[in-house]
């Protein structure tokens, strides 16, 4: 597993932002089509979009981060990191300019705190 410093996480953001934008578009399209179609699980367009989502998730995993927003509304991404010897996640949301928050590995988005200046 790769561990990111805040600087390294921010260096990946141009690519991560593009991938997350594509994830949000595909996820929202799947949601809309699923409400319109009688058998969404058999719909070829939905299946194509699901396959595309899988490819996008794999791209993020190749970078070393993971997608965490299954409502496809906020575009949350976690970057594994270590702070004071403990595993944590640097946390970025698609409307933020940079990675500025972290949370404990088990806490999730609601437990996020600002990255300490001495760590950034």
PDB file of N, CA and C in Angstrom:
ATOM      1  N   UNK A   1       0.839  -1.191   0.000  1.00  0.00           N
ATOM      2  CA  UNK A   1       0.000   0.000   0.000  1.00  0.00           C
ATOM      3  C   UNK A   1       0.877   1.246   0.000  1.00  0.00           C
ATOM      4  N   UNK A   2       0.515   2.187  -0.830  1.00  0.00           N
ATOM      5  CA  UNK A   2       1.238   3.459  -0.879  1.00  0.00           C
ATOM      6  C   UNK A   2       0.673   4.396   0.181  1.00  0.00           C
ATOM      7  N   UNK A   3       1.559   5.098   0.858  1.00  0.00           N
ATOM      8  CA  UNK A   3       1.154   6.137   1.807  1.00  0.00           C
ATOM      9  C   UNK A   3       1.564   7.488   1.224  1.00  0.00           C
ATOM     10  N   UNK A   4       0.647   8.439   1.282  1.00  0.00           N
ATOM     11  CA  UNK A   4       0.861   9.767   0.711  1.00  0.00           C
ATOM     12  C   UNK A   4       1.193  10.778   1.796  1.00  0.00           C
ATOM     13  N   UNK A   5       2.071  11.713   1.477  1.00  0.00           N
ATOM     14  CA  UNK A   5       2.198  12.918   2.277  1.00  0.00           C
ATOM     15  C   UNK A   5       1.141  13.881   1.729  1.00  0.00           C
ATOM     16  N   UNK A   6       0.789  14.929   2.459  1.00  0.00           N
ATOM     17  CA  UNK A   6      -0.147  15.908   1.887  1.00  0.00           C
ATOM     18  C   UNK A   6       0.347  16.475   0.544  1.00  0.00           C
ATOM     19  N   UNK A   7       1.640  16.725   0.454  1.00  0.00           N
ATOM     20  CA  UNK A   7       2.199  17.264  -0.795  1.00  0.00           C
ATOM     21  C   UNK A   7       2.008  16.277  -1.948  1.00  0.00           C
ATOM     22  N   UNK A   8       2.287  14.995  -1.703  1.00  0.00           N
ATOM     23  CA  UNK A   8       2.128  13.986  -2.752  1.00  0.00           C
ATOM     24  C   UNK A   8       0.661  13.845  -3.174  1.00  0.00           C
ATOM     25  N   UNK A   9      -0.251  13.868  -2.199  1.00  0.00           N
ATOM     26  CA  UNK A   9      -1.678  13.772  -2.520  1.00  0.00           C
ATOM     27  C   UNK A   9      -2.094  14.946  -3.403  1.00  0.00           C
ATOM     28  N   UNK A  10      -1.642  16.138  -3.055  1.00  0.00           N
ATOM     29  CA  UNK A  10      -1.990  17.322  -3.854  1.00  0.00           C
ATOM     30  C   UNK A  10      -1.392  17.263  -5.255  1.00  0.00           C
ATOM     31  N   UNK A  11      -0.229  16.636  -5.402  1.00  0.00           N
ATOM     32  CA  UNK A  11       0.382  16.513  -6.723  1.00  0.00           C
ATOM     33  C   UNK A  11      -0.442  15.616  -7.648  1.00  0.00           C
ATOM     34  N   UNK A  12      -1.224  14.691  -7.084  1.00  0.00           N
ATOM     35  CA  UNK A  12      -2.049  13.805  -7.911  1.00  0.00           C
ATOM     36  C   UNK A  12      -3.383  14.442  -8.281  1.00  0.00           C
ATOM     37  N   UNK A  13      -3.739  15.560  -7.647  1.00  0.00           N
ATOM     38  CA  UNK A  13      -5.085  16.114  -7.806  1.00  0.00           C
ATOM     39  C   UNK A  13      -5.512  16.429  -9.239  1.00  0.00           C
ATOM     40  N   UNK A  14      -4.653  16.950 -10.111  1.00  0.00           N
ATOM     41  CA  UNK A  14      -5.150  17.203 -11.473  1.00  0.00           C
ATOM     42  C   UNK A  14      -5.751  15.942 -12.112  1.00  0.00           C
ATOM     43  N   UNK A  15      -5.072  14.812 -11.966  1.00  0.00           N
ATOM     44  CA  UNK A  15      -5.586  13.565 -12.529  1.00  0.00           C
ATOM     45  C   UNK A  15      -6.781  13.047 -11.723  1.00  0.00           C
ATOM     46  N   UNK A  16      -6.677  13.091 -10.400  1.00  0.00           N
ATOM     47  CA  UNK A  16      -7.766  12.613  -9.540  1.00  0.00           C
ATOM     48  C   UNK A  16      -9.043  13.417  -9.813  1.00  0.00           C
ATOM     49  N   UNK A  17      -8.913  14.732  -9.971  1.00  0.00           N
ATOM     50  CA  UNK A  17     -10.087  15.571 -10.245  1.00  0.00           C
ATOM     51  C   UNK A  17     -10.781  15.160 -11.536  1.00  0.00           C
ATOM     52  N   UNK A  18      -9.997  14.876 -12.569  1.00  0.00           N
ATOM     53  CA  UNK A  18     -10.576  14.458 -13.846  1.00  0.00           C
ATOM     54  C   UNK A  18     -11.314  13.129 -13.686  1.00  0.00           C
ATOM     55  N   UNK A  19     -10.683  12.163 -13.033  1.00  0.00           N
ATOM     56  CA  UNK A  19     -11.300  10.844 -12.839  1.00  0.00           C
ATOM     57  C   UNK A  19     -12.571  10.979 -12.013  1.00  0.00           C
ATOM     58  N   UNK A  20     -12.522  11.752 -10.933  1.00  0.00           N
ATOM     59  CA  UNK A  20     -13.706  11.919 -10.071  1.00  0.00           C
ATOM     60  C   UNK A  20     -14.823  12.621 -10.828  1.00  0.00           C
ATOM     61  N   UNK A  21     -14.502  13.593 -11.659  1.00  0.00           N
ATOM     62  CA  UNK A  21     -15.524  14.237 -12.479  1.00  0.00           C
ATOM     63  C   UNK A  21     -16.227  13.222 -13.371  1.00  0.00           C
ATOM     64  N   UNK A  22     -15.454  12.314 -13.967  1.00  0.00           N
ATOM     65  CA  UNK A  22     -16.036  11.264 -14.809  1.00  0.00           C
ATOM     66  C   UNK A  22     -16.867  10.289 -13.980  1.00  0.00           C
ATOM     67  N   UNK A  23     -16.406   9.971 -12.761  1.00  0.00           N
ATOM     68  CA  UNK A  23     -17.164   9.079 -11.866  1.00  0.00           C
ATOM     69  C   UNK A  23     -18.502   9.717 -11.520  1.00  0.00           C
ATOM     70  N   UNK A  24     -18.484  10.997 -11.160  1.00  0.00           N
ATOM     71  CA  UNK A  24     -19.736  11.669 -10.795  1.00  0.00           C
ATOM     72  C   UNK A  24     -20.722  11.697 -11.961  1.00  0.00           C
ATOM     73  N   UNK A  25     -20.231  11.978 -13.165  1.00  0.00           N
ATOM     74  CA  UNK A  25     -21.108  11.991 -14.338  1.00  0.00           C
ATOM     75  C   UNK A  25     -21.718  10.615 -14.578  1.00  0.00           C
ATOM     76  N   UNK A  26     -20.892   9.584 -14.552  1.00  0.00           N
ATOM     77  CA  UNK A  26     -21.379   8.226 -14.804  1.00  0.00           C
ATOM     78  C   UNK A  26     -22.350   7.781 -13.706  1.00  0.00           C
ATOM     79  N   UNK A  27     -22.013   8.052 -12.452  1.00  0.00           N
ATOM     80  CA  UNK A  27     -22.882   7.655 -11.349  1.00  0.00           C
ATOM     81  C   UNK A  27     -24.241   8.325 -11.405  1.00  0.00           C
ATOM     82  N   UNK A  28     -24.241   9.596 -11.715  1.00  0.00           N
ATOM     83  CA  UNK A  28     -25.504  10.324 -11.817  1.00  0.00           C
ATOM     84  C   UNK A  28     -26.320   9.842 -13.018  1.00  0.00           C
ATOM     85  N   UNK A  29     -25.652   9.528 -14.122  1.00  0.00           N
ATOM     86  CA  UNK A  29     -26.351   9.009 -15.298  1.00  0.00           C
ATOM     87  C   UNK A  29     -26.980   7.652 -14.979  1.00  0.00           C
ATOM     88  N   UNK A  30     -26.258   6.813 -14.258  1.00  0.00           N
ATOM     89  CA  UNK A  30     -26.800   5.504 -13.867  1.00  0.00           C
ATOM     90  C   UNK A  30     -28.033   5.695 -12.990  1.00  0.00           C
ATOM     91  N   UNK A  31     -27.943   6.597 -12.041  1.00  0.00           N
ATOM     92  CA  UNK A  31     -29.085   6.853 -11.152  1.00  0.00           C
ATOM     93  C   UNK A  31     -30.313   7.300 -11.962  1.00  0.00           C
ATOM     94  N   UNK A  32     -30.125   8.243 -12.873  1.00  0.00           N
ATOM     95  CA  UNK A  32     -31.246   8.750 -13.680  1.00  0.00           C
ATOM     96  C   UNK A  32     -31.829   7.663 -14.580  1.00  0.00           C
ATOM     97  N   UNK A  33     -30.957   6.930 -15.261  1.00  0.00           N
ATOM     98  CA  UNK A  33     -31.434   5.874 -16.155  1.00  0.00           C
ATOM     99  C   UNK A  33     -32.137   4.767 -15.377  1.00  0.00           C
ATOM    100  N   UNK A  34     -31.645   4.459 -14.189  1.00  0.00           N
ATOM    101  CA  UNK A  34     -32.243   3.395 -13.374  1.00  0.00           C
ATOM    102  C   UNK A  34     -33.686   3.712 -13.001  1.00  0.00           C
ATOM    103  N   UNK A  35     -33.984   4.989 -12.828  1.00  0.00           N
ATOM    104  CA  UNK A  35     -35.348   5.385 -12.482  1.00  0.00           C
ATOM    105  C   UNK A  35     -36.270   5.334 -13.702  1.00  0.00           C
ATOM    106  N   UNK A  36     -35.677   5.470 -14.891  1.00  0.00           N
ATOM    107  CA  UNK A  36     -36.475   5.511 -16.117  1.00  0.00           C
ATOM    108  C   UNK A  36     -36.740   4.133 -16.710  1.00  0.00           C
ATOM    109  N   UNK A  37     -35.849   3.204 -16.483  1.00  0.00           N
ATOM    110  CA  UNK A  37     -35.902   1.919 -17.173  1.00  0.00           C
ATOM    111  C   UNK A  37     -36.627   0.862 -16.346  1.00  0.00           C
ATOM    112  N   UNK A  38     -37.359  -0.001 -17.044  1.00  0.00           N
ATOM    113  CA  UNK A  38     -38.129  -1.052 -16.376  1.00  0.00           C
ATOM    114  C   UNK A  38     -37.213  -2.094 -15.732  1.00  0.00           C
ATOM    115  N   UNK A  39     -36.166  -2.503 -16.428  1.00  0.00           N
ATOM    116  CA  UNK A  39     -35.227  -3.502 -15.905  1.00  0.00           C
ATOM    117  C   UNK A  39     -33.813  -2.923 -15.987  1.00  0.00           C
ATOM    118  N   UNK A  40     -33.474  -2.029 -15.048  1.00  0.00           N
ATOM    119  CA  UNK A  40     -32.169  -1.349 -15.155  1.00  0.00           C
ATOM    120  C   UNK A  40     -30.984  -2.301 -15.166  1.00  0.00           C
ATOM    121  N   UNK A  41     -31.089  -3.419 -14.446  1.00  0.00           N
ATOM    122  CA  UNK A  41     -29.963  -4.360 -14.373  1.00  0.00           C
ATOM    123  C   UNK A  41     -29.681  -5.025 -15.715  1.00  0.00           C
ATOM    124  N   UNK A  42     -30.638  -4.948 -16.671  1.00  0.00           N
ATOM    125  CA  UNK A  42     -30.456  -5.548 -17.993  1.00  0.00           C
ATOM    126  C   UNK A  42     -30.231  -4.507 -19.086  1.00  0.00           C
ATOM    127  N   UNK A  43     -30.308  -3.237 -18.734  1.00  0.00           N
ATOM    128  CA  UNK A  43     -30.195  -2.168 -19.718  1.00  0.00           C
ATOM    129  C   UNK A  43     -28.750  -2.049 -20.222  1.00  0.00           C
ATOM    130  N   UNK A  44     -28.532  -2.141 -21.547  1.00  0.00           N
ATOM    131  CA  UNK A  44     -27.164  -2.087 -22.073  1.00  0.00           C
ATOM    132  C   UNK A  44     -26.430  -0.783 -21.747  1.00  0.00           C
ATOM    133  N   UNK A  45     -27.124   0.343 -21.751  1.00  0.00           N
ATOM    134  CA  UNK A  45     -26.468   1.623 -21.444  1.00  0.00           C
ATOM    135  C   UNK A  45     -26.024   1.658 -19.984  1.00  0.00           C
ATOM    136  N   UNK A  46     -26.852   1.166 -19.079  1.00  0.00           N
ATOM    137  CA  UNK A  46     -26.486   1.130 -17.659  1.00  0.00           C
ATOM    138  C   UNK A  46     -25.315   0.168 -17.442  1.00  0.00           C
ATOM    139  N   UNK A  47     -25.353  -0.969 -18.106  1.00  0.00           N
ATOM    140  CA  UNK A  47     -24.246  -1.935 -17.998  1.00  0.00           C
ATOM    141  C   UNK A  47     -22.953  -1.308 -18.500  1.00  0.00           C
ATOM    142  N   UNK A  48     -23.024  -0.581 -19.616  1.00  0.00           N
ATOM    143  CA  UNK A  48     -21.824   0.085 -20.150  1.00  0.00           C
ATOM    144  C   UNK A  48     -21.288   1.107 -19.155  1.00  0.00           C
ATOM    145  N   UNK A  49     -22.197   1.898 -18.565  1.00  0.00           N
ATOM    146  CA  UNK A  49     -21.778   2.900 -17.584  1.00  0.00           C
ATOM    147  C   UNK A  49     -21.185   2.245 -16.329  1.00  0.00           C
ATOM    148  N   UNK A  50     -21.751   1.118 -15.898  1.00  0.00           N
ATOM    149  CA  UNK A  50     -21.207   0.408 -14.728  1.00  0.00           C
ATOM    150  C   UNK A  50     -19.789  -0.096 -15.018  1.00  0.00           C
ATOM    151  N   UNK A  51     -19.586  -0.625 -16.223  1.00  0.00           N
ATOM    152  CA  UNK A  51     -18.244  -1.077 -16.610  1.00  0.00           C
ATOM    153  C   UNK A  51     -17.271   0.094 -16.631  1.00  0.00           C
ATOM    154  N   UNK A  52     -17.733   1.227 -17.133  1.00  0.00           N
ATOM    155  CA  UNK A  52     -16.888   2.426 -17.164  1.00  0.00           C
ATOM    156  C   UNK A  52     -16.544   2.869 -15.736  1.00  0.00           C
ATOM    157  N   UNK A  53     -17.515   2.828 -14.835  1.00  0.00           N
ATOM    158  CA  UNK A  53     -17.247   3.163 -13.431  1.00  0.00           C
ATOM    159  C   UNK A  53     -16.175   2.264 -12.850  1.00  0.00           C
ATOM    160  N   UNK A  54     -16.262   0.966 -13.121  1.00  0.00           N
ATOM    161  CA  UNK A  54     -15.252   0.028 -12.622  1.00  0.00           C
ATOM    162  C   UNK A  54     -13.857   0.417 -13.111  1.00  0.00           C
ATOM    163  N   UNK A  55     -13.758   0.811 -14.376  1.00  0.00           N
ATOM    164  CA  UNK A  55     -12.464   1.240 -14.925  1.00  0.00           C
ATOM    165  C   UNK A  55     -11.951   2.491 -14.205  1.00  0.00           C
ATOM    166  N   UNK A  56     -12.853   3.427 -13.927  1.00  0.00           N
ATOM    167  CA  UNK A  56     -12.455   4.664 -13.245  1.00  0.00           C
ATOM    168  C   UNK A  56     -12.004   4.376 -11.813  1.00  0.00           C
ATOM    169  N   UNK A  57     -12.717   3.490 -11.107  1.00  0.00           N
ATOM    170  CA  UNK A  57     -12.305   3.108  -9.748  1.00  0.00           C
ATOM    171  C   UNK A  57     -10.921   2.458  -9.775  1.00  0.00           C
ATOM    172  N   UNK A  58     -10.678   1.628 -10.783  1.00  0.00           N
ATOM    173  CA  UNK A  58      -9.364   0.987 -10.918  1.00  0.00           C
ATOM    174  C   UNK A  58      -8.274   2.022 -11.161  1.00  0.00           C
ATOM    175  N   UNK A  59      -8.581   3.062 -11.940  1.00  0.00           N
ATOM    176  CA  UNK A  59      -7.595   4.128 -12.167  1.00  0.00           C
ATOM    177  C   UNK A  59      -7.199   4.786 -10.849  1.00  0.00           C
ATOM    178  N   UNK A  60      -8.191   5.085 -10.007  1.00  0.00           N
ATOM    179  CA  UNK A  60      -7.886   5.688  -8.698  1.00  0.00           C
ATOM    180  C   UNK A  60      -7.054   4.737  -7.855  1.00  0.00           C
ATOM    181  N   UNK A  61      -7.407   3.463  -7.861  1.00  0.00           N
ATOM    182  CA  UNK A  61      -6.653   2.479  -7.078  1.00  0.00           C
ATOM    183  C   UNK A  61      -5.218   2.368  -7.569  1.00  0.00           C
ATOM    184  N   UNK A  62      -5.009   2.500  -8.877  1.00  0.00           N
ATOM    185  CA  UNK A  62      -3.652   2.472  -9.429  1.00  0.00           C
ATOM    186  C   UNK A  62      -2.839   3.651  -8.901  1.00  0.00           C
ATOM    187  N   UNK A  63      -3.475   4.794  -8.768  1.00  0.00           N
ATOM    188  CA  UNK A  63      -2.802   5.968  -8.200  1.00  0.00           C
ATOM    189  C   UNK A  63      -2.479   5.712  -6.731  1.00  0.00           C
ATOM    190  N   UNK A  64      -3.362   4.963  -6.046  1.00  0.00           N
ATOM    191  CA  UNK A  64      -3.140   4.642  -4.631  1.00  0.00           C
ATOM    192  C   UNK A  64      -4.218   5.194  -3.716  1.00  0.00           C
ATOM    193  N   UNK A  65      -5.258   5.789  -4.272  1.00  0.00           N
ATOM    194  CA  UNK A  65      -6.334   6.359  -3.458  1.00  0.00           C
ATOM    195  C   UNK A  65      -7.635   5.603  -3.729  1.00  0.00           C
ATOM    196  N   UNK A  66      -8.687   5.944  -2.986  1.00  0.00           N
ATOM    197  CA  UNK A  66      -9.948   5.229  -3.162  1.00  0.00           C
ATOM    198  C   UNK A  66     -11.137   6.180  -3.092  1.00  0.00           C
ATOM    199  N   UNK A  67     -12.149   5.822  -3.869  1.00  0.00           N
ATOM    200  CA  UNK A  67     -13.371   6.620  -3.960  1.00  0.00           C
ATOM    201  C   UNK A  67     -14.321   6.227  -2.838  1.00  0.00           C
ATOM    202  N   UNK A  68     -14.970   7.210  -2.194  1.00  0.00           N
ATOM    203  CA  UNK A  68     -15.779   6.931  -1.007  1.00  0.00           C
ATOM    204  C   UNK A  68     -17.199   7.477  -1.042  1.00  0.00           C
ATOM    205  N   UNK A  69     -17.644   8.040  -2.137  1.00  0.00           N
ATOM    206  CA  UNK A  69     -18.963   8.687  -2.186  1.00  0.00           C
ATOM    207  C   UNK A  69     -19.925   7.888  -3.056  1.00  0.00           C
ATOM    208  N   UNK A  70     -20.665   6.981  -2.439  1.00  0.00           N
ATOM    209  CA  UNK A  70     -21.518   6.070  -3.209  1.00  0.00           C
ATOM    210  C   UNK A  70     -22.860   6.696  -3.578  1.00  0.00           C
ATOM    211  N   UNK A  71     -23.109   7.937  -3.158  1.00  0.00           N
ATOM    212  CA  UNK A  71     -24.287   8.672  -3.629  1.00  0.00           C
ATOM    213  C   UNK A  71     -23.955   9.470  -4.894  1.00  0.00           C
ATOM    214  N   UNK A  72     -22.680   9.506  -5.232  1.00  0.00           N
ATOM    215  CA  UNK A  72     -22.202  10.238  -6.421  1.00  0.00           C
ATOM    216  C   UNK A  72     -22.629  11.699  -6.384  1.00  0.00           C
ATOM    217  N   UNK A  73     -22.453  12.324  -5.205  1.00  0.00           N
ATOM    218  CA  UNK A  73     -22.823  13.728  -5.070  1.00  0.00           C
ATOM    219  C   UNK A  73     -21.647  14.609  -4.650  1.00  0.00           C
ATOM    220  N   UNK A  74     -20.754  14.096  -3.805  1.00  0.00           N
ATOM    221  CA  UNK A  74     -19.655  14.913  -3.279  1.00  0.00           C
ATOM    222  C   UNK A  74     -18.291  14.583  -3.865  1.00  0.00           C
ATOM    223  N   UNK A  75     -18.126  13.418  -4.437  1.00  0.00           N
ATOM    224  CA  UNK A  75     -16.829  13.046  -5.004  1.00  0.00           C
ATOM    225  C   UNK A  75     -15.744  12.932  -3.962  1.00  0.00           C
ATOM    226  N   UNK A  76     -15.959  12.119  -2.933  1.00  0.00           N
ATOM    227  CA  UNK A  76     -14.984  11.961  -1.846  1.00  0.00           C
ATOM    228  C   UNK A  76     -13.896  10.956  -2.219  1.00  0.00           C
ATOM    229  N   UNK A  77     -12.646  11.326  -1.908  1.00  0.00           N
ATOM    230  CA  UNK A  77     -11.508  10.449  -2.162  1.00  0.00           C
ATOM    231  C   UNK A  77     -10.622  10.429  -0.918  1.00  0.00           C
ATOM    232  N   UNK A  78     -10.182   9.228  -0.534  1.00  0.00           N
ATOM    233  CA  UNK A  78      -9.239   9.062   0.577  1.00  0.00           C
ATOM    234  C   UNK A  78      -7.883   8.636   0.044  1.00  0.00           C
ATOM    235  N   UNK A  79      -6.839   9.218   0.628  1.00  0.00           N
ATOM    236  CA  UNK A  79      -5.453   8.880   0.317  1.00  0.00           C
ATOM    237  C   UNK A  79      -4.840   8.303   1.592  1.00  0.00           C
ATOM    238  N   UNK A  80      -4.383   7.058   1.594  1.00  0.00           N
ATOM    239  CA  UNK A  80      -3.762   6.507   2.800  1.00  0.00           C
ATOM    240  C   UNK A  80      -2.533   7.322   3.184  1.00  0.00           C
ATOM    241  N   UNK A  81      -2.353   7.502   4.492  1.00  0.00           N
ATOM    242  CA  UNK A  81      -1.232   8.291   4.984  1.00  0.00           C
ATOM    243  C   UNK A  81      -0.876   7.821   6.384  1.00  0.00           C
ATOM    244  N   UNK A  82       0.195   8.378   6.927  1.00  0.00           N
ATOM    245  CA  UNK A  82       0.622   8.080   8.294  1.00  0.00           C
ATOM    246  C   UNK A  82       0.908   9.402   8.991  1.00  0.00           C
ATOM    247  N   UNK A  83       0.301   9.587  10.166  1.00  0.00           N
ATOM    248  CA  UNK A  83       0.528  10.778  10.981  1.00  0.00           C
ATOM    249  C   UNK A  83       0.883  10.323  12.387  1.00  0.00           C
ATOM    250  N   UNK A  84       2.046  10.748  12.857  1.00  0.00           N
ATOM    251  CA  UNK A  84       2.513  10.378  14.195  1.00  0.00           C
ATOM    252  C   UNK A  84       2.470   8.866  14.422  1.00  0.00           C
ATOM    253  N   UNK A  85       2.869   8.106  13.387  1.00  0.00           N
ATOM    254  CA  UNK A  85       2.938   6.664  13.494  1.00  0.00           C
ATOM    255  C   UNK A  85       1.605   5.935  13.352  1.00  0.00           C
ATOM    256  N   UNK A  86       0.519   6.661  13.138  1.00  0.00           N
ATOM    257  CA  UNK A  86      -0.794   6.035  12.983  1.00  0.00           C
ATOM    258  C   UNK A  86      -1.282   6.167  11.546  1.00  0.00           C
ATOM    259  N   UNK A  87      -1.901   5.087  11.048  1.00  0.00           N
ATOM    260  CA  UNK A  87      -2.483   5.156   9.718  1.00  0.00           C
ATOM    261  C   UNK A  87      -3.723   6.039   9.747  1.00  0.00           C
ATOM    262  N   UNK A  88      -3.777   6.979   8.820  1.00  0.00           N
ATOM    263  CA  UNK A  88      -4.916   7.884   8.670  1.00  0.00           C
ATOM    264  C   UNK A  88      -5.228   7.984   7.183  1.00  0.00           C
ATOM    265  N   UNK A  89      -6.266   8.717   6.855  1.00  0.00           N
ATOM    266  CA  UNK A  89      -6.605   8.980   5.453  1.00  0.00           C
ATOM    267  C   UNK A  89      -6.638  10.478   5.225  1.00  0.00           C
ATOM    268  N   UNK A  90      -5.892  10.925   4.233  1.00  0.00           N
ATOM    269  CA  UNK A  90      -6.057  12.289   3.765  1.00  0.00           C
ATOM    270  C   UNK A  90      -7.362  12.292   2.980  1.00  0.00           C
ATOM    271  N   UNK A  91      -8.159  13.319   3.171  1.00  0.00           N
ATOM    272  CA  UNK A  91      -9.517  13.314   2.651  1.00  0.00           C
ATOM    273  C   UNK A  91      -9.739  14.527   1.751  1.00  0.00           C
ATOM    274  N   UNK A  92     -10.226  14.278   0.533  1.00  0.00           N
ATOM    275  CA  UNK A  92     -10.486  15.358  -0.416  1.00  0.00           C
ATOM    276  C   UNK A  92     -11.899  15.213  -0.967  1.00  0.00           C
ATOM    277  N   UNK A  93     -12.581  16.334  -1.114  1.00  0.00           N
ATOM    278  CA  UNK A  93     -13.920  16.378  -1.704  1.00  0.00           C
ATOM    279  C   UNK A  93     -13.824  17.179  -2.999  1.00  0.00           C
ATOM    280  N   UNK A  94     -14.585  16.798  -3.993  1.00  0.00           N
ATOM    281  CA  UNK A  94     -14.411  17.346  -5.345  1.00  0.00           C
ATOM    282  C   UNK A  94     -14.614  18.850  -5.458  1.00  0.00           C
ATOM    283  N   UNK A  95     -15.223  19.490  -4.469  1.00  0.00           N
ATOM    284  CA  UNK A  95     -15.374  20.949  -4.545  1.00  0.00           C
ATOM    285  C   UNK A  95     -14.258  21.693  -3.809  1.00  0.00           C
ATOM    286  N   UNK A  96     -13.251  20.958  -3.352  1.00  0.00           N
ATOM    287  CA  UNK A  96     -12.122  21.581  -2.641  1.00  0.00           C
ATOM    288  C   UNK A  96     -10.931  21.749  -3.581  1.00  0.00           C
ATOM    289  N   UNK A  97     -10.215  22.852  -3.415  1.00  0.00           N
ATOM    290  CA  UNK A  97      -9.091  23.163  -4.300  1.00  0.00           C
ATOM    291  C   UNK A  97      -7.882  22.266  -4.056  1.00  0.00           C
ATOM    292  N   UNK A  98      -7.730  21.777  -2.811  1.00  0.00           N
ATOM    293  CA  UNK A  98      -6.570  20.942  -2.480  1.00  0.00           C
ATOM    294  C   UNK A  98      -6.926  20.010  -1.328  1.00  0.00           C
ATOM    295  N   UNK A  99      -6.008  19.093  -1.052  1.00  0.00           N
ATOM    296  CA  UNK A  99      -6.179  18.156   0.060  1.00  0.00           C
ATOM    297  C   UNK A  99      -5.772  18.887   1.337  1.00  0.00           C
ATOM    298  N   UNK A 100      -6.736  19.186   2.199  1.00  0.00           N
ATOM    299  CA  UNK A 100      -6.474  19.973   3.393  1.00  0.00           C
ATOM    300  C   UNK A 100      -6.966  19.306   4.680  1.00  0.00           C
ATOM    301  N   UNK A 101      -7.544  18.086   4.569  1.00  0.00           N
ATOM    302  CA  UNK A 101      -8.129  17.421   5.732  1.00  0.00           C
ATOM    303  C   UNK A 101      -7.664  15.977   5.821  1.00  0.00           C
ATOM    304  N   UNK A 102      -7.809  15.409   7.016  1.00  0.00           N
ATOM    305  CA  UNK A 102      -7.528  13.994   7.237  1.00  0.00           C
ATOM    306  C   UNK A 102      -8.526  13.467   8.259  1.00  0.00           C
ATOM    307  N   UNK A 103      -8.605  12.148   8.338  1.00  0.00           N
ATOM    308  CA  UNK A 103      -9.404  11.508   9.388  1.00  0.00           C
ATOM    309  C   UNK A 103      -8.779  10.165   9.709  1.00  0.00           C
ATOM    310  N   UNK A 104      -9.114   9.630  10.869  1.00  0.00           N
ATOM    311  CA  UNK A 104      -8.632   8.307  11.251  1.00  0.00           C
ATOM    312  C   UNK A 104      -9.103   7.267  10.248  1.00  0.00           C
ATOM    313  N   UNK A 105      -8.373   6.173  10.156  1.00  0.00           N
ATOM    314  CA  UNK A 105      -8.684   5.142   9.176  1.00  0.00           C
ATOM    315  C   UNK A 105     -10.104   4.609   9.314  1.00  0.00           C
ATOM    316  N   UNK A 106     -10.651   4.624  10.523  1.00  0.00           N
ATOM    317  CA  UNK A 106     -11.991   4.087  10.759  1.00  0.00           C
ATOM    318  C   UNK A 106     -13.054   5.174  10.935  1.00  0.00           C
ATOM    319  N   UNK A 107     -12.665   6.439  10.935  1.00  0.00           N
ATOM    320  CA  UNK A 107     -13.608   7.519  11.239  1.00  0.00           C
ATOM    321  C   UNK A 107     -14.478   7.941  10.062  1.00  0.00           C
ATOM    322  N   UNK A 108     -13.917   8.060   8.906  1.00  0.00           N
ATOM    323  CA  UNK A 108     -14.677   8.530   7.764  1.00  0.00           C
ATOM    324  C   UNK A 108     -14.817  10.040   7.728  1.00  0.00           C
ATOM    325  N   UNK A 109     -15.579  10.513   6.755  1.00  0.00           N
ATOM    326  CA  UNK A 109     -15.704  11.935   6.455  1.00  0.00           C
ATOM    327  C   UNK A 109     -16.129  12.771   7.661  1.00  0.00           C
ATOM    328  N   UNK A 110     -17.046  12.258   8.490  1.00  0.00           N
ATOM    329  CA  UNK A 110     -17.551  13.043   9.616  1.00  0.00           C
ATOM    330  C   UNK A 110     -16.475  13.313  10.667  1.00  0.00           C
ATOM    331  N   UNK A 111     -15.397  12.514  10.670  1.00  0.00           N
ATOM    332  CA  UNK A 111     -14.337  12.722  11.644  1.00  0.00           C
ATOM    333  C   UNK A 111     -13.158  13.504  11.116  1.00  0.00           C
ATOM    334  N   UNK A 112     -13.322  14.166   9.999  1.00  0.00           N
ATOM    335  CA  UNK A 112     -12.152  14.819   9.416  1.00  0.00           C
ATOM    336  C   UNK A 112     -11.769  16.103  10.141  1.00  0.00           C
ATOM    337  N   UNK A 113     -10.456  16.339  10.120  1.00  0.00           N
ATOM    338  CA  UNK A 113      -9.861  17.495  10.789  1.00  0.00           C
ATOM    339  C   UNK A 113      -8.869  18.133   9.808  1.00  0.00           C
ATOM    340  N   UNK A 114      -8.554  19.399  10.042  1.00  0.00           N
ATOM    341  CA  UNK A 114      -7.572  20.081   9.199  1.00  0.00           C
ATOM    342  C   UNK A 114      -6.198  19.444   9.377  1.00  0.00           C
ATOM    343  N   UNK A 115      -5.463  19.322   8.270  1.00  0.00           N
ATOM    344  CA  UNK A 115      -4.111  18.808   8.341  1.00  0.00           C
ATOM    345  C   UNK A 115      -3.259  19.795   9.123  1.00  0.00           C
ATOM    346  N   UNK A 116      -2.528  19.323  10.152  1.00  0.00           N
ATOM    347  CA  UNK A 116      -1.671  20.239  10.920  1.00  0.00           C
ATOM    348  C   UNK A 116      -0.633  20.907  10.019  1.00  0.00           C
ATOM    349  N   UNK A 117      -0.397  22.190  10.230  1.00  0.00           N
ATOM    350  CA  UNK A 117       0.529  22.953   9.391  1.00  0.00           C
ATOM    351  C   UNK A 117       1.916  22.325   9.338  1.00  0.00           C
ATOM    352  N   UNK A 118       2.379  21.784  10.465  1.00  0.00           N
ATOM    353  CA  UNK A 118       3.716  21.189  10.482  1.00  0.00           C
ATOM    354  C   UNK A 118       3.796  19.912   9.646  1.00  0.00           C
ATOM    355  N   UNK A 119       2.671  19.303   9.350  1.00  0.00           N
ATOM    356  CA  UNK A 119       2.642  18.091   8.534  1.00  0.00           C
ATOM    357  C   UNK A 119       2.512  18.447   7.049  1.00  0.00           C
ATOM    358  N   UNK A 120       1.795  19.524   6.767  1.00  0.00           N
ATOM    359  CA  UNK A 120       1.566  19.929   5.390  1.00  0.00           C
ATOM    360  C   UNK A 120       2.872  20.404   4.777  1.00  0.00           C
TER     361      UNK A 120
END
